[in-house]
């Protein structure tokens, strides 16, 4: 079987929920423009997605979150209903651009950090207008060559 699109992996079970897949990759590095449109959906077991209306899948682009186990081309499952806390991997809208970072809270200062020691954390107030959009609940990574599933 050759896999051409993520939405071809549908399990079609009554215990599954369809989770929308955002069309453009989520930057795991410096912010990049992200168009808010859906590419399709992936069916996941309900126990993985306790709040389907608040949950989205987003393809990761870049390598700055590898220290958190999130790699280029992984799918991040983002839950907008979860409250972010110190150490959470989050999706943040920074000046309208979506990016994946780790939230670091030190006293009254919140920072968005790369999970790469070579890249600096930056204070939220240094970013202009920023908002935490959601919390990464888990990620999906292929462990076989893409398109080579059989």
N, C-alpha and C. Protein backbone atom coordinates (compact mmCIF):
# COMPACT_ATOMS: atom_id res chain seq x y z
N UNK A 1 0.85 -1.17 0.00
CA UNK A 1 0.00 0.00 0.00
C UNK A 1 0.89 1.23 0.00
N UNK A 2 0.61 2.15 -0.88
CA UNK A 2 1.35 3.41 -0.92
C UNK A 2 0.47 4.49 -0.32
N UNK A 3 1.00 5.19 0.67
CA UNK A 3 0.26 6.23 1.37
C UNK A 3 0.56 7.57 0.72
N UNK A 4 -0.48 8.19 0.15
CA UNK A 4 -0.29 9.47 -0.50
C UNK A 4 -0.72 10.63 0.39
N UNK A 5 -1.72 10.42 1.25
CA UNK A 5 -2.23 11.49 2.09
C UNK A 5 -2.52 10.93 3.47
N UNK A 6 -2.41 11.78 4.49
CA UNK A 6 -2.67 11.37 5.86
C UNK A 6 -4.09 10.88 6.03
N UNK A 7 -5.05 11.51 5.35
CA UNK A 7 -6.44 11.13 5.56
C UNK A 7 -6.79 9.77 4.96
N UNK A 8 -5.82 9.10 4.32
CA UNK A 8 -6.05 7.74 3.85
C UNK A 8 -5.92 6.73 4.99
N UNK A 9 -5.43 7.15 6.14
CA UNK A 9 -5.30 6.25 7.29
C UNK A 9 -6.53 6.36 8.17
N UNK A 10 -7.66 5.99 7.66
CA UNK A 10 -8.91 6.07 8.41
C UNK A 10 -9.25 4.70 8.97
N UNK A 11 -9.54 4.64 10.27
CA UNK A 11 -9.83 3.36 10.88
C UNK A 11 -11.31 3.03 10.86
N UNK A 12 -12.16 3.99 10.59
CA UNK A 12 -13.60 3.80 10.43
C UNK A 12 -14.20 2.93 11.53
N UNK A 13 -14.02 3.35 12.74
CA UNK A 13 -14.54 2.64 13.91
C UNK A 13 -15.53 3.54 14.63
N UNK A 14 -16.57 2.96 15.24
CA UNK A 14 -17.51 3.79 16.00
C UNK A 14 -16.85 4.43 17.23
N UNK A 15 -15.71 3.90 17.66
CA UNK A 15 -15.00 4.45 18.82
C UNK A 15 -13.93 5.45 18.40
N UNK A 16 -13.93 5.86 17.14
CA UNK A 16 -12.94 6.80 16.63
C UNK A 16 -13.57 8.17 16.44
N UNK A 17 -12.73 9.19 16.48
CA UNK A 17 -13.16 10.56 16.21
C UNK A 17 -12.29 11.10 15.08
N UNK A 18 -12.89 11.95 14.25
CA UNK A 18 -12.14 12.59 13.17
C UNK A 18 -11.52 13.87 13.71
N UNK A 19 -10.21 13.98 13.57
CA UNK A 19 -9.48 15.15 14.04
C UNK A 19 -8.99 15.92 12.82
N UNK A 20 -9.37 17.20 12.68
CA UNK A 20 -8.96 17.98 11.52
C UNK A 20 -7.45 18.15 11.44
N UNK A 21 -6.93 18.12 10.22
CA UNK A 21 -5.51 18.33 9.96
C UNK A 21 -5.35 19.69 9.31
N UNK A 22 -4.61 20.58 9.96
CA UNK A 22 -4.37 21.92 9.44
C UNK A 22 -3.46 21.80 8.21
N UNK A 23 -3.77 22.57 7.18
CA UNK A 23 -3.12 22.43 5.89
C UNK A 23 -1.64 22.75 5.83
N UNK A 24 -1.18 23.81 6.45
CA UNK A 24 0.23 24.18 6.37
C UNK A 24 0.98 23.73 7.61
N UNK A 25 2.26 23.52 7.45
CA UNK A 25 3.10 23.03 8.54
C UNK A 25 3.22 24.07 9.64
N UNK A 26 3.31 23.57 10.86
CA UNK A 26 3.52 24.39 12.05
C UNK A 26 5.02 24.51 12.26
N UNK A 27 5.50 25.72 12.33
CA UNK A 27 6.93 25.95 12.44
C UNK A 27 7.46 25.52 13.80
N UNK A 28 8.46 24.67 13.81
CA UNK A 28 9.17 24.31 15.03
C UNK A 28 10.56 24.91 14.90
N UNK A 29 10.59 26.19 14.96
CA UNK A 29 11.78 27.00 14.77
C UNK A 29 11.32 28.43 14.93
N UNK A 30 11.77 29.29 14.07
CA UNK A 30 11.27 30.65 14.12
C UNK A 30 9.89 30.69 13.47
N UNK A 31 9.00 31.57 13.92
CA UNK A 31 7.64 31.60 13.38
C UNK A 31 7.62 31.79 11.87
N UNK A 32 6.64 31.14 11.24
CA UNK A 32 6.45 31.30 9.81
C UNK A 32 4.95 31.43 9.56
N UNK A 33 4.56 32.01 8.42
CA UNK A 33 3.13 32.17 8.16
C UNK A 33 2.43 30.82 8.10
N UNK A 34 1.22 30.77 8.62
CA UNK A 34 0.41 29.54 8.58
C UNK A 34 -0.99 29.90 8.15
N UNK A 35 -1.43 29.37 7.04
CA UNK A 35 -2.79 29.60 6.58
C UNK A 35 -3.71 28.68 7.36
N UNK A 36 -4.81 29.22 7.88
CA UNK A 36 -5.75 28.42 8.67
C UNK A 36 -6.78 27.76 7.77
N UNK A 37 -6.37 26.68 7.12
CA UNK A 37 -7.33 25.90 6.38
C UNK A 37 -7.03 24.42 6.60
N UNK A 38 -8.03 23.61 6.40
CA UNK A 38 -7.92 22.19 6.70
C UNK A 38 -7.51 21.41 5.46
N UNK A 39 -6.62 20.46 5.67
CA UNK A 39 -6.14 19.59 4.60
C UNK A 39 -6.96 18.31 4.54
N UNK A 40 -7.53 17.92 5.65
CA UNK A 40 -8.28 16.68 5.73
C UNK A 40 -8.51 16.35 7.19
N UNK A 41 -8.62 15.08 7.47
CA UNK A 41 -8.82 14.63 8.86
C UNK A 41 -8.21 13.25 9.02
N UNK A 42 -7.89 12.93 10.23
CA UNK A 42 -7.35 11.62 10.59
C UNK A 42 -8.23 11.07 11.69
N UNK A 43 -8.63 9.83 11.58
CA UNK A 43 -9.44 9.22 12.63
C UNK A 43 -8.52 8.63 13.69
N UNK A 44 -8.78 9.03 14.94
CA UNK A 44 -7.99 8.56 16.08
C UNK A 44 -8.93 7.95 17.11
N UNK A 45 -8.43 7.03 17.93
CA UNK A 45 -9.27 6.47 18.99
C UNK A 45 -9.73 7.57 19.94
N UNK A 46 -10.97 7.48 20.39
CA UNK A 46 -11.55 8.50 21.26
C UNK A 46 -10.71 8.71 22.52
N UNK A 47 -10.10 7.67 23.06
CA UNK A 47 -9.33 7.82 24.30
C UNK A 47 -8.10 8.71 24.10
N UNK A 48 -7.63 8.87 22.86
CA UNK A 48 -6.52 9.79 22.58
C UNK A 48 -6.98 11.23 22.46
N UNK A 49 -8.27 11.42 22.17
CA UNK A 49 -8.81 12.75 21.88
C UNK A 49 -10.04 12.98 22.77
N UNK A 50 -9.83 13.32 24.05
CA UNK A 50 -10.97 13.48 24.94
C UNK A 50 -11.87 14.66 24.63
N UNK A 51 -11.36 15.66 23.90
CA UNK A 51 -12.18 16.83 23.56
C UNK A 51 -12.07 17.12 22.06
N UNK A 52 -12.76 16.33 21.22
CA UNK A 52 -12.62 16.48 19.77
C UNK A 52 -12.87 17.88 19.22
N UNK A 53 -13.88 18.64 19.70
CA UNK A 53 -14.09 19.97 19.10
C UNK A 53 -12.93 20.94 19.31
N UNK A 54 -12.08 20.67 20.30
CA UNK A 54 -10.96 21.57 20.60
C UNK A 54 -9.63 21.01 20.12
N UNK A 55 -9.65 19.94 19.34
CA UNK A 55 -8.41 19.23 18.98
C UNK A 55 -8.15 19.30 17.48
N UNK A 56 -6.87 19.55 17.15
CA UNK A 56 -6.42 19.65 15.77
C UNK A 56 -5.10 18.93 15.62
N UNK A 57 -4.82 18.45 14.42
CA UNK A 57 -3.50 17.91 14.09
C UNK A 57 -2.78 18.94 13.24
N UNK A 58 -1.50 19.07 13.48
CA UNK A 58 -0.71 20.04 12.73
C UNK A 58 0.62 19.42 12.38
N UNK A 59 1.00 19.48 11.12
CA UNK A 59 2.27 18.93 10.68
C UNK A 59 3.40 19.86 11.14
N UNK A 60 4.45 19.28 11.70
CA UNK A 60 5.60 20.05 12.20
C UNK A 60 6.61 20.26 11.08
N UNK A 61 7.17 21.44 11.05
CA UNK A 61 8.23 21.77 10.10
C UNK A 61 9.41 22.33 10.87
N UNK A 62 10.56 21.72 10.75
CA UNK A 62 11.75 22.21 11.42
C UNK A 62 12.24 21.25 12.49
N UNK A 63 13.39 21.58 13.06
CA UNK A 63 14.05 20.66 14.00
C UNK A 63 14.26 21.24 15.39
N UNK A 64 13.73 22.41 15.68
CA UNK A 64 14.03 23.03 16.96
C UNK A 64 13.31 22.40 18.15
N UNK A 65 12.38 21.48 17.92
CA UNK A 65 11.68 20.82 19.03
C UNK A 65 12.12 19.38 19.20
N UNK A 66 13.21 18.98 18.58
CA UNK A 66 13.69 17.61 18.68
C UNK A 66 14.01 17.22 20.12
N UNK A 67 14.43 18.16 20.95
CA UNK A 67 14.71 17.86 22.35
C UNK A 67 13.45 17.46 23.12
N UNK A 68 12.29 17.79 22.57
CA UNK A 68 11.01 17.39 23.17
C UNK A 68 10.46 16.14 22.49
N UNK A 69 11.26 15.56 21.57
CA UNK A 69 10.81 14.36 20.87
C UNK A 69 9.88 14.65 19.71
N UNK A 70 9.86 15.89 19.22
CA UNK A 70 9.01 16.28 18.10
C UNK A 70 9.93 16.63 16.93
N UNK A 71 9.76 15.89 15.83
CA UNK A 71 10.67 16.00 14.71
C UNK A 71 9.97 16.55 13.47
N UNK A 72 10.80 17.02 12.53
CA UNK A 72 10.31 17.54 11.27
C UNK A 72 9.38 16.51 10.62
N UNK A 73 8.21 16.95 10.17
CA UNK A 73 7.18 16.16 9.49
C UNK A 73 6.33 15.30 10.42
N UNK A 74 6.56 15.36 11.75
CA UNK A 74 5.65 14.70 12.69
C UNK A 74 4.31 15.42 12.66
N UNK A 75 3.29 14.78 13.20
CA UNK A 75 2.00 15.42 13.39
C UNK A 75 1.85 15.73 14.88
N UNK A 76 1.59 16.98 15.21
CA UNK A 76 1.34 17.37 16.60
C UNK A 76 -0.16 17.41 16.83
N UNK A 77 -0.61 16.74 17.88
CA UNK A 77 -2.03 16.78 18.27
C UNK A 77 -2.17 17.90 19.29
N UNK A 78 -2.86 18.96 18.90
CA UNK A 78 -2.96 20.18 19.70
C UNK A 78 -4.37 20.28 20.28
N UNK A 79 -4.43 20.44 21.60
CA UNK A 79 -5.71 20.55 22.30
C UNK A 79 -5.85 21.97 22.84
N UNK A 80 -6.83 22.70 22.32
CA UNK A 80 -7.04 24.08 22.73
C UNK A 80 -7.72 24.20 24.08
N UNK A 81 -8.25 23.09 24.62
CA UNK A 81 -8.95 23.16 25.90
C UNK A 81 -8.02 22.96 27.10
N UNK A 82 -6.78 22.54 26.86
CA UNK A 82 -5.85 22.33 27.95
C UNK A 82 -5.21 23.65 28.39
N UNK A 83 -4.98 23.78 29.67
CA UNK A 83 -4.31 24.98 30.19
C UNK A 83 -2.81 24.74 30.18
N UNK A 84 -2.08 25.65 29.57
CA UNK A 84 -0.63 25.54 29.50
C UNK A 84 -0.01 25.90 30.84
N UNK A 85 1.01 25.17 31.21
CA UNK A 85 1.76 25.45 32.43
C UNK A 85 3.24 25.34 32.14
N UNK A 86 4.04 25.59 33.17
CA UNK A 86 5.49 25.51 33.03
C UNK A 86 5.88 24.15 32.46
N UNK A 87 6.64 24.15 31.38
CA UNK A 87 7.10 22.92 30.76
C UNK A 87 6.22 22.39 29.65
N UNK A 88 5.02 22.96 29.48
CA UNK A 88 4.12 22.50 28.42
C UNK A 88 4.71 22.81 27.05
N UNK A 89 4.54 21.88 26.11
CA UNK A 89 4.83 22.18 24.71
C UNK A 89 3.56 22.80 24.16
N UNK A 90 3.69 23.98 23.60
CA UNK A 90 2.52 24.75 23.18
C UNK A 90 2.62 25.17 21.73
N UNK A 91 1.47 25.52 21.19
CA UNK A 91 1.40 26.23 19.91
C UNK A 91 1.06 27.66 20.28
N UNK A 92 1.90 28.57 19.85
CA UNK A 92 1.70 29.98 20.16
C UNK A 92 1.52 30.77 18.87
N UNK A 93 0.60 31.72 18.92
CA UNK A 93 0.44 32.67 17.83
C UNK A 93 1.24 33.89 18.21
N UNK A 94 2.31 34.14 17.47
CA UNK A 94 3.20 35.27 17.75
C UNK A 94 3.06 36.25 16.59
N UNK A 95 2.49 37.42 16.89
CA UNK A 95 2.20 38.40 15.84
C UNK A 95 1.45 37.76 14.69
N UNK A 96 0.51 36.85 15.02
CA UNK A 96 -0.33 36.21 14.02
C UNK A 96 0.30 35.01 13.33
N UNK A 97 1.52 34.65 13.68
CA UNK A 97 2.19 33.52 13.06
C UNK A 97 2.28 32.38 14.07
N UNK A 98 1.96 31.16 13.63
CA UNK A 98 1.90 30.01 14.52
C UNK A 98 3.26 29.33 14.63
N UNK A 99 3.60 28.92 15.86
CA UNK A 99 4.88 28.29 16.11
C UNK A 99 4.76 27.33 17.29
N UNK A 100 5.56 26.29 17.30
CA UNK A 100 5.58 25.31 18.38
C UNK A 100 6.80 25.57 19.27
N UNK A 101 6.57 25.72 20.58
CA UNK A 101 7.65 26.00 21.53
C UNK A 101 7.32 25.37 22.88
N UNK A 102 8.30 25.39 23.80
CA UNK A 102 8.06 24.97 25.18
C UNK A 102 7.86 26.21 26.03
N UNK A 103 6.81 26.20 26.86
CA UNK A 103 6.51 27.32 27.74
C UNK A 103 7.35 27.16 29.01
N UNK A 104 8.13 28.19 29.31
CA UNK A 104 8.98 28.21 30.50
C UNK A 104 8.53 29.39 31.34
N UNK A 105 8.11 29.12 32.58
CA UNK A 105 7.67 30.19 33.47
C UNK A 105 8.67 30.30 34.61
N UNK A 106 9.23 31.50 34.76
CA UNK A 106 10.21 31.78 35.80
C UNK A 106 9.70 32.98 36.58
N UNK A 107 9.06 32.70 37.72
CA UNK A 107 8.45 33.78 38.50
C UNK A 107 7.27 34.34 37.73
N UNK A 108 7.34 35.64 37.41
CA UNK A 108 6.27 36.30 36.65
C UNK A 108 6.59 36.42 35.16
N UNK A 109 7.69 35.80 34.74
CA UNK A 109 8.10 35.94 33.34
C UNK A 109 7.85 34.62 32.61
N UNK A 110 7.10 34.71 31.52
CA UNK A 110 6.85 33.55 30.66
C UNK A 110 7.74 33.67 29.43
N UNK A 111 8.35 32.55 29.07
CA UNK A 111 9.20 32.52 27.89
C UNK A 111 8.76 31.36 27.00
N UNK A 112 8.98 31.53 25.72
CA UNK A 112 8.79 30.45 24.76
C UNK A 112 10.17 29.99 24.34
N UNK A 113 10.47 28.72 24.58
CA UNK A 113 11.82 28.22 24.36
C UNK A 113 11.84 27.17 23.26
N UNK A 114 12.91 27.18 22.51
CA UNK A 114 13.19 26.10 21.58
C UNK A 114 13.69 24.92 22.41
N UNK A 115 13.48 23.72 21.97
CA UNK A 115 14.06 22.54 22.63
C UNK A 115 15.33 22.18 21.91
N UNK A 116 16.21 23.17 21.85
CA UNK A 116 17.50 23.07 21.21
C UNK A 116 18.41 24.03 21.97
N UNK A 117 19.43 23.53 22.66
CA UNK A 117 20.26 24.40 23.50
C UNK A 117 20.99 25.50 22.74
N UNK A 118 21.09 25.40 21.43
CA UNK A 118 21.78 26.41 20.65
C UNK A 118 20.90 27.62 20.35
N UNK A 119 19.59 27.51 20.63
CA UNK A 119 18.67 28.61 20.34
C UNK A 119 18.16 29.20 21.65
N UNK A 120 18.12 30.53 21.78
CA UNK A 120 17.74 31.16 23.04
C UNK A 120 16.22 31.17 23.26
N UNK A 121 15.83 31.15 24.54
CA UNK A 121 14.43 31.39 24.89
C UNK A 121 14.19 32.89 24.76
N UNK A 122 12.98 33.29 24.52
CA UNK A 122 12.68 34.72 24.47
C UNK A 122 11.42 34.99 25.26
N UNK A 123 11.42 36.13 25.96
CA UNK A 123 10.29 36.48 26.81
C UNK A 123 9.08 36.78 25.94
N UNK A 124 7.92 36.39 26.43
CA UNK A 124 6.68 36.60 25.69
C UNK A 124 6.49 38.08 25.38
N UNK A 125 6.82 38.96 26.33
CA UNK A 125 6.62 40.39 26.09
C UNK A 125 7.57 40.94 25.04
N UNK A 126 8.65 40.21 24.73
CA UNK A 126 9.58 40.64 23.69
C UNK A 126 9.05 40.31 22.29
N UNK A 127 8.02 39.52 22.19
CA UNK A 127 7.55 39.02 20.91
C UNK A 127 6.53 39.92 20.25
N UNK A 128 6.12 40.98 20.88
CA UNK A 128 5.01 41.75 20.34
C UNK A 128 3.74 41.13 20.88
N UNK A 129 2.78 40.89 20.02
CA UNK A 129 1.52 40.31 20.45
C UNK A 129 1.60 38.79 20.33
N UNK A 130 1.51 38.11 21.46
CA UNK A 130 1.59 36.65 21.47
C UNK A 130 0.50 36.05 22.34
N UNK A 131 0.00 34.89 21.93
CA UNK A 131 -1.02 34.20 22.70
C UNK A 131 -0.78 32.69 22.57
N UNK A 132 -0.97 31.99 23.67
CA UNK A 132 -0.90 30.53 23.64
C UNK A 132 -2.18 30.03 22.99
N UNK A 133 -2.07 29.33 21.88
CA UNK A 133 -3.22 28.88 21.10
C UNK A 133 -3.69 27.50 21.55
N UNK A 134 -2.77 26.66 21.99
CA UNK A 134 -3.12 25.31 22.42
C UNK A 134 -1.93 24.59 22.99
N UNK A 135 -2.17 23.42 23.56
CA UNK A 135 -1.13 22.59 24.17
C UNK A 135 -0.99 21.32 23.34
N UNK A 136 0.26 20.94 23.06
CA UNK A 136 0.51 19.70 22.32
C UNK A 136 0.28 18.54 23.28
N UNK A 137 -0.73 17.72 22.97
CA UNK A 137 -1.07 16.56 23.80
C UNK A 137 -0.12 15.40 23.49
N UNK A 138 0.16 15.16 22.21
CA UNK A 138 1.10 14.12 21.79
C UNK A 138 1.47 14.39 20.34
N UNK A 139 2.44 13.63 19.86
CA UNK A 139 2.81 13.73 18.44
C UNK A 139 2.81 12.34 17.83
N UNK A 140 2.67 12.33 16.52
CA UNK A 140 2.66 11.09 15.76
C UNK A 140 3.87 11.13 14.82
N UNK A 141 4.67 10.09 14.87
CA UNK A 141 5.86 10.02 14.02
C UNK A 141 5.85 8.70 13.27
N UNK A 142 6.16 8.75 12.00
CA UNK A 142 6.28 7.53 11.19
C UNK A 142 7.63 6.89 11.51
N UNK A 143 7.65 5.59 11.70
CA UNK A 143 8.89 4.87 11.95
C UNK A 143 9.25 3.96 10.79
N UNK A 144 8.60 4.14 9.68
CA UNK A 144 8.95 3.47 8.44
C UNK A 144 9.02 4.56 7.37
N UNK A 145 9.63 4.25 6.26
CA UNK A 145 9.70 5.24 5.20
C UNK A 145 8.29 5.66 4.79
N UNK A 146 8.07 6.94 4.65
CA UNK A 146 6.75 7.44 4.28
C UNK A 146 6.35 6.89 2.92
N UNK A 147 5.11 6.46 2.84
CA UNK A 147 4.62 5.91 1.59
C UNK A 147 5.01 4.45 1.39
N UNK A 148 5.69 3.86 2.36
CA UNK A 148 6.15 2.49 2.23
C UNK A 148 5.45 1.56 3.21
N UNK A 149 4.31 1.97 3.75
CA UNK A 149 3.60 1.12 4.70
C UNK A 149 3.01 -0.08 3.99
N UNK A 150 3.20 -1.25 4.57
CA UNK A 150 2.57 -2.45 4.02
C UNK A 150 2.55 -3.55 5.05
